[in-house]
Amino acid sequence: MNIKTKNLLQIHIAVFLLGFSGLFGRLVSTSIFTLILGRTFFSSFALFSLLKYQKASLKLEKTKEYFYLIILGIFLSLHWITFFHSINLSTVAIGLLTFSTFPFFVTFLEPIIFKEKLYFSDIIVAIIAFIGISFVVPSFDFGNEMTIGALWGIISGILYAIFSLGNRAVTQKYSGPLISFYEQLVVMFTLIPVYLVTRENVMTKDIFLMALLGIVFTALAHTLVISSLKYVKAKTSSIIFCLEPLYSIIAAAIILHEIPSIKTLFGGVIIICAVLYSTINSKK
């Protein structure tokens, strides 16, 4: 197996693993805050162990960069909270598909933040994506939990768009594992006070699931992606990431017996196709 094939396989495995992460919102019986705290505790430990194994420095060059990563960590925390809340109120399919609109928020925020040109075709594709959302959302009744869940999924997408744009400035300077370590450490320390107040009882089963989520479906998945990007084009990896909602829906159907409606699947196809087109077009 040559290097390119090996790294393509790594990305596919990583996206497959990330597709399962949404299921833990249903499998773990703790609150969302405790779930994310457990996730980041184990993922931070795994990333720290990896960095030590690689004998990589944990120091950043400037003090202000620590504050910058603290802000990004807070956005990551808010993204995960809204993401899992979306899934708990609706379904894994609705949560993932509405979150998957984040590339379009990147499209509109990027020109503002980095003073880049916004193309008319981007606006058209965004409109098409939101048409897809209209099929995913069961109804526009704000008394419907599914609808509220879909809205939280969109908010999660906006937060992740801001988070990913913020990461753009630091990924050029530091390694992915180092950035992820600090960001997830911030998430963990942000949620510790919540746990100290609630003193939530955590069962052994939940600890095991949070360890699995943190080590395998977070730290390992992110490491596989980052290490393979050196040999795989960004356009190729972005297209592969469009498979994440598909994996999530299949996993939820098998494990949770959540079968999405034809209307939801149709809306999902529109969203994924719009994201796919936007990804390919933006890399030309």
Protein backbone atom coordinates (compact mmCIF):
# COMPACT_ATOMS: atom_id res chain seq x y z
CA MET A 1 0.00 0.00 0.00
CA ASN A 2 1.52 3.34 -1.06
CA ILE A 3 1.55 6.46 1.17
CA LYS A 4 -1.32 8.22 -0.62
CA THR A 5 -3.62 5.19 -0.42
CA LYS A 6 -2.73 4.67 3.23
CA ASN A 7 -3.57 8.28 4.11
CA LEU A 8 -6.80 8.25 2.11
CA LEU A 9 -7.79 5.17 4.11
CA GLN A 10 -6.89 7.03 7.32
CA ILE A 11 -9.26 9.89 6.45
CA HIS A 12 -12.08 7.48 5.61
CA ILE A 13 -11.57 5.71 8.97
CA ALA A 14 -11.49 9.08 10.79
CA VAL A 15 -14.72 10.31 9.16
CA PHE A 16 -16.35 6.96 9.91
CA LEU A 17 -15.35 7.32 13.59
CA LEU A 18 -16.53 10.94 13.77
CA GLY A 19 -19.85 9.84 12.31
CA PHE A 20 -20.46 7.79 15.47
CA SER A 21 -19.75 10.62 17.94
CA GLY A 22 -23.31 11.99 17.80
CA LEU A 23 -24.71 8.67 19.02
CA PHE A 24 -23.06 9.10 22.42
CA GLY A 25 -25.53 11.87 23.21
CA ARG A 26 -28.16 9.12 23.34
CA LEU A 27 -26.04 6.24 24.67
CA VAL A 28 -24.62 8.07 27.70
CA SER A 29 -27.19 8.62 30.47
CA THR A 30 -25.49 11.68 32.01
CA SER A 31 -26.26 15.33 31.25
CA ILE A 32 -24.71 16.94 28.17
CA PHE A 33 -22.28 18.90 30.36
CA THR A 34 -20.95 15.79 32.11
CA LEU A 35 -20.72 13.94 28.78
CA ILE A 36 -18.59 16.69 27.21
CA LEU A 37 -16.50 17.01 30.38
CA GLY A 38 -15.76 13.28 30.28
CA ARG A 39 -15.09 13.39 26.56
CA THR A 40 -12.54 16.20 26.85
CA PHE A 41 -10.91 14.72 29.95
CA PHE A 42 -10.07 11.50 28.12
CA SER A 43 -9.27 13.15 24.78
CA SER A 44 -6.98 15.72 26.45
CA PHE A 45 -5.16 12.93 28.27
CA ALA A 46 -4.78 10.96 25.02
CA LEU A 47 -3.51 14.02 23.10
CA PHE A 48 -1.11 14.91 25.94
CA SER A 49 0.25 11.34 25.87
CA LEU A 50 0.69 11.54 22.09
CA LEU A 51 2.56 14.87 22.29
CA LYS A 52 4.83 13.51 25.02
CA TYR A 53 5.48 10.36 22.98
CA GLN A 54 6.41 12.56 20.00
CA LYS A 55 8.57 14.69 22.35
CA ALA A 56 6.77 17.76 21.05
CA SER A 57 6.97 21.07 22.90
CA LEU A 58 3.79 22.19 24.67
CA LYS A 59 4.84 25.84 24.73
CA LEU A 60 3.38 28.55 22.52
CA GLU A 61 5.56 31.40 21.31
CA LYS A 62 3.39 34.31 22.52
CA THR A 63 1.28 34.80 25.64
CA LYS A 64 -1.62 36.22 23.61
CA GLU A 65 -1.84 32.90 21.72
CA TYR A 66 -2.90 31.16 24.94
CA PHE A 67 -5.77 33.65 25.30
CA TYR A 68 -6.67 33.11 21.65
CA LEU A 69 -6.92 29.34 22.18
CA ILE A 70 -8.99 29.91 25.33
CA ILE A 71 -11.55 31.82 23.23
CA LEU A 72 -11.56 29.05 20.60
CA GLY A 73 -11.99 26.46 23.36
CA ILE A 74 -15.05 28.31 24.63
CA PHE A 75 -16.55 28.29 21.12
CA LEU A 76 -15.81 24.55 20.85
CA SER A 77 -17.55 24.01 24.19
CA LEU A 78 -20.64 25.94 23.06
CA HIS A 79 -20.64 24.03 19.75
CA TRP A 80 -20.63 20.62 21.49
CA ILE A 81 -23.30 21.68 24.00
CA THR A 82 -25.67 22.88 21.26
CA PHE A 83 -24.84 19.89 19.04
CA PHE A 84 -25.70 17.26 21.65
CA HIS A 85 -28.71 19.29 22.79
CA SER A 86 -29.96 19.26 19.19
CA ILE A 87 -29.63 15.47 19.00
CA ASN A 88 -31.34 14.96 22.38
CA LEU A 89 -34.32 17.09 21.33
CA SER A 90 -34.67 15.66 17.82
CA THR A 91 -32.78 12.74 16.27
CA VAL A 92 -29.19 11.96 15.29
CA ALA A 93 -30.13 12.48 11.61
CA ILE A 94 -31.72 15.91 12.15
CA GLY A 95 -28.91 17.04 14.48
CA LEU A 96 -26.16 16.00 12.06
CA LEU A 97 -27.83 17.28 8.91
CA THR A 98 -28.61 20.72 10.33
CA PHE A 99 -25.09 20.97 11.80
CA SER A 100 -23.71 20.03 8.35
CA THR A 101 -24.73 23.47 7.08
CA PHE A 102 -21.66 24.98 8.80
CA PRO A 103 -19.65 25.33 5.52
CA PHE A 104 -22.22 27.89 4.33
CA PHE A 105 -21.79 30.00 7.43
CA VAL A 106 -18.05 29.79 6.77
CA THR A 107 -18.77 31.03 3.23
CA PHE A 108 -20.47 34.19 4.52
CA LEU A 109 -18.24 34.81 7.55
CA GLU A 110 -14.90 34.25 5.79
CA PRO A 111 -15.14 37.35 3.52
CA ILE A 112 -15.97 39.49 6.57
CA ILE A 113 -13.15 38.15 8.77
CA PHE A 114 -10.44 37.68 6.14
CA LYS A 115 -11.64 40.32 3.66
CA GLU A 116 -12.11 37.79 0.87
CA LYS A 117 -14.51 37.98 -2.06
CA LEU A 118 -18.03 36.54 -1.73
CA TYR A 119 -19.27 35.00 -4.99
CA PHE A 120 -22.88 35.05 -6.18
CA SER A 121 -22.76 31.26 -6.70
CA ASP A 122 -22.04 30.85 -2.97
CA ILE A 123 -25.27 32.68 -2.14
CA ILE A 124 -27.26 30.46 -4.53
CA VAL A 125 -25.77 27.28 -3.04
CA ALA A 126 -26.56 28.53 0.49
CA ILE A 127 -30.19 29.12 -0.52
CA ILE A 128 -30.38 25.57 -1.92
CA ALA A 129 -28.95 24.21 1.34
CA PHE A 130 -31.59 25.99 3.38
CA ILE A 131 -34.25 24.56 1.08
CA GLY A 132 -32.83 21.19 2.14
CA ILE A 133 -33.18 22.25 5.79
CA SER A 134 -36.85 23.02 5.21
CA PHE A 135 -37.34 19.32 4.38
CA VAL A 136 -35.26 18.14 7.36
CA VAL A 137 -37.22 20.26 9.86
CA PRO A 138 -40.47 18.35 10.60
CA SER A 139 -42.54 21.54 10.95
CA PHE A 140 -42.04 25.22 11.68
CA ASP A 141 -43.97 24.95 14.93
CA PHE A 142 -41.78 26.26 17.75
CA GLY A 143 -43.73 24.10 20.15
CA ASN A 144 -42.35 21.04 18.36
CA GLU A 145 -39.20 19.60 20.01
CA MET A 146 -37.95 18.30 16.66
CA THR A 147 -38.07 21.83 15.23
CA ILE A 148 -36.28 23.28 18.25
CA GLY A 149 -33.70 20.50 17.94
CA ALA A 150 -33.11 21.43 14.29
CA LEU A 151 -32.65 25.10 15.25
CA TRP A 152 -30.08 24.12 17.89
CA GLY A 153 -28.33 22.09 15.16
CA ILE A 154 -28.10 25.21 12.98
CA ILE A 155 -26.77 27.25 15.94
CA SER A 156 -24.21 24.47 16.48
CA GLY A 157 -23.20 24.86 12.82
CA ILE A 158 -22.75 28.64 13.22
CA LEU A 159 -20.58 28.15 16.32
CA TYR A 160 -18.47 25.53 14.55
CA ALA A 161 -18.04 27.85 11.55
CA ILE A 162 -16.64 30.56 13.84
CA PHE A 163 -14.47 27.96 15.58
CA SER A 164 -13.05 26.60 12.30
CA LEU A 165 -12.30 30.10 10.98
CA GLY A 166 -10.53 30.92 14.22
CA ASN A 167 -8.46 27.76 13.88
CA ARG A 168 -7.36 28.85 10.41
CA ALA A 169 -5.06 31.46 11.93
CA VAL A 170 -3.23 29.05 14.27
CA THR A 171 -3.04 25.82 12.26
CA GLN A 172 -0.40 27.39 10.01
CA LYS A 173 1.90 27.81 13.01
CA TYR A 174 1.27 24.85 15.34
CA SER A 175 0.47 21.16 14.95
CA GLY A 176 -3.11 19.93 15.01
CA PRO A 177 -2.67 17.72 18.13
CA LEU A 178 -1.17 20.64 20.08
CA ILE A 179 -4.02 23.01 19.14
CA SER A 180 -6.64 20.34 19.87
CA PHE A 181 -5.01 19.59 23.23
CA TYR A 182 -5.26 23.19 24.43
CA GLU A 183 -8.77 23.74 23.05
CA GLN A 184 -10.15 20.59 24.63
CA LEU A 185 -8.36 21.36 27.88
CA VAL A 186 -10.23 24.70 27.91
CA VAL A 187 -13.54 22.89 27.33
CA MET A 188 -12.78 20.56 30.24
CA PHE A 189 -11.92 23.38 32.69
CA THR A 190 -14.96 25.37 31.51
CA LEU A 191 -17.29 22.51 32.47
CA ILE A 192 -15.64 21.43 35.74
CA PRO A 193 -17.52 24.16 37.73
CA VAL A 194 -20.83 22.87 36.32
CA TYR A 195 -20.02 19.36 37.51
CA LEU A 196 -18.96 20.61 40.96
CA VAL A 197 -22.33 22.33 41.33
CA THR A 198 -24.49 19.44 40.08
CA ARG A 199 -22.38 16.62 41.62
CA GLU A 200 -23.97 14.30 39.08
CA ASN A 201 -23.68 10.60 39.76
CA VAL A 202 -21.84 8.86 36.90
CA MET A 203 -22.21 5.13 36.35
CA THR A 204 -19.30 2.89 35.34
CA LYS A 205 -20.95 2.24 31.97
CA ASP A 206 -21.02 5.99 31.25
CA ILE A 207 -17.36 6.41 32.21
CA PHE A 208 -16.46 3.64 29.77
CA LEU A 209 -18.52 5.25 26.99
CA MET A 210 -17.02 8.70 27.64
CA ALA A 211 -13.51 7.20 27.56
CA LEU A 212 -14.37 5.52 24.25
CA LEU A 213 -15.76 8.77 22.85
CA GLY A 214 -12.78 10.82 24.04
CA ILE A 215 -9.93 8.48 23.09
CA VAL A 216 -11.18 6.70 19.94
CA PHE A 217 -13.90 8.93 18.45
CA THR A 218 -12.22 12.26 19.28
CA ALA A 219 -8.45 12.12 19.86
CA LEU A 220 -7.71 9.22 17.48
CA ALA A 221 -10.09 10.46 14.78
CA HIS A 222 -8.63 13.99 14.82
CA THR A 223 -5.06 12.66 14.84
CA LEU A 224 -5.75 10.44 11.81
CA VAL A 225 -7.17 13.42 9.89
CA ILE A 226 -4.35 15.80 10.77
CA SER A 227 -1.54 13.32 10.06
CA SER A 228 -2.97 12.41 6.64
CA LEU A 229 -3.53 15.98 5.39
CA LYS A 230 0.18 16.20 4.59
CA TYR A 231 -0.31 13.72 1.73
CA VAL A 232 -3.97 14.20 0.74
CA LYS A 233 -5.32 17.31 -0.97
CA ALA A 234 -7.65 19.49 1.09
CA LYS A 235 -10.31 19.21 -1.62
CA THR A 236 -10.24 15.41 -1.43
CA SER A 237 -10.48 15.33 2.36
CA SER A 238 -13.34 17.85 2.37
CA ILE A 239 -15.32 15.69 -0.04
CA ILE A 240 -14.75 12.62 2.14
CA PHE A 241 -16.07 14.58 5.15
CA CYS A 242 -19.40 14.93 3.35
CA LEU A 243 -19.90 11.23 4.19
CA GLU A 244 -20.04 11.92 7.95
CA PRO A 245 -23.84 12.54 8.11
CA LEU A 246 -24.39 9.40 6.06
CA TYR A 247 -22.36 7.29 8.48
CA SER A 248 -24.20 8.88 11.42
CA ILE A 249 -27.64 8.13 9.99
CA ILE A 250 -26.72 4.51 9.23
CA ALA A 251 -25.17 4.06 12.70
CA ALA A 252 -28.24 5.58 14.40
CA ALA A 253 -30.55 3.32 12.39
CA ILE A 254 -28.60 0.19 13.40
CA ILE A 255 -27.75 1.02 17.03
CA LEU A 256 -30.58 3.34 18.14
CA HIS A 257 -33.24 2.12 15.67
CA GLU A 258 -33.79 5.74 14.56
CA ILE A 259 -35.09 5.46 11.01
CA PRO A 260 -35.29 8.91 9.35
CA SER A 261 -38.35 9.75 7.27
CA ILE A 262 -38.21 9.97 3.47
CA LYS A 263 -38.68 13.74 3.80
CA THR A 264 -35.65 14.01 6.13
CA LEU A 265 -33.52 11.87 3.82
CA PHE A 266 -34.55 13.96 0.80
CA GLY A 267 -33.60 17.16 2.62
CA GLY A 268 -30.34 15.53 3.69
CA VAL A 269 -29.46 14.66 0.09
CA ILE A 270 -30.03 18.30 -0.92
CA ILE A 271 -27.84 19.58 1.94
CA ILE A 272 -25.02 17.10 1.27
CA CYS A 273 -25.07 17.78 -2.48
CA ALA A 274 -24.96 21.53 -1.83
CA VAL A 275 -22.02 21.09 0.59
CA LEU A 276 -20.28 18.81 -1.90
CA TYR A 277 -20.66 21.33 -4.74
CA SER A 278 -19.53 24.21 -2.50
CA THR A 279 -16.47 22.23 -1.40
CA ILE A 280 -15.40 21.30 -4.94
CA ASN A 281 -16.11 24.79 -6.30
CA SER A 282 -14.26 26.59 -3.52
CA LYS A 283 -11.06 24.61 -4.13
CA LYS A 284 -10.84 25.31 -7.85
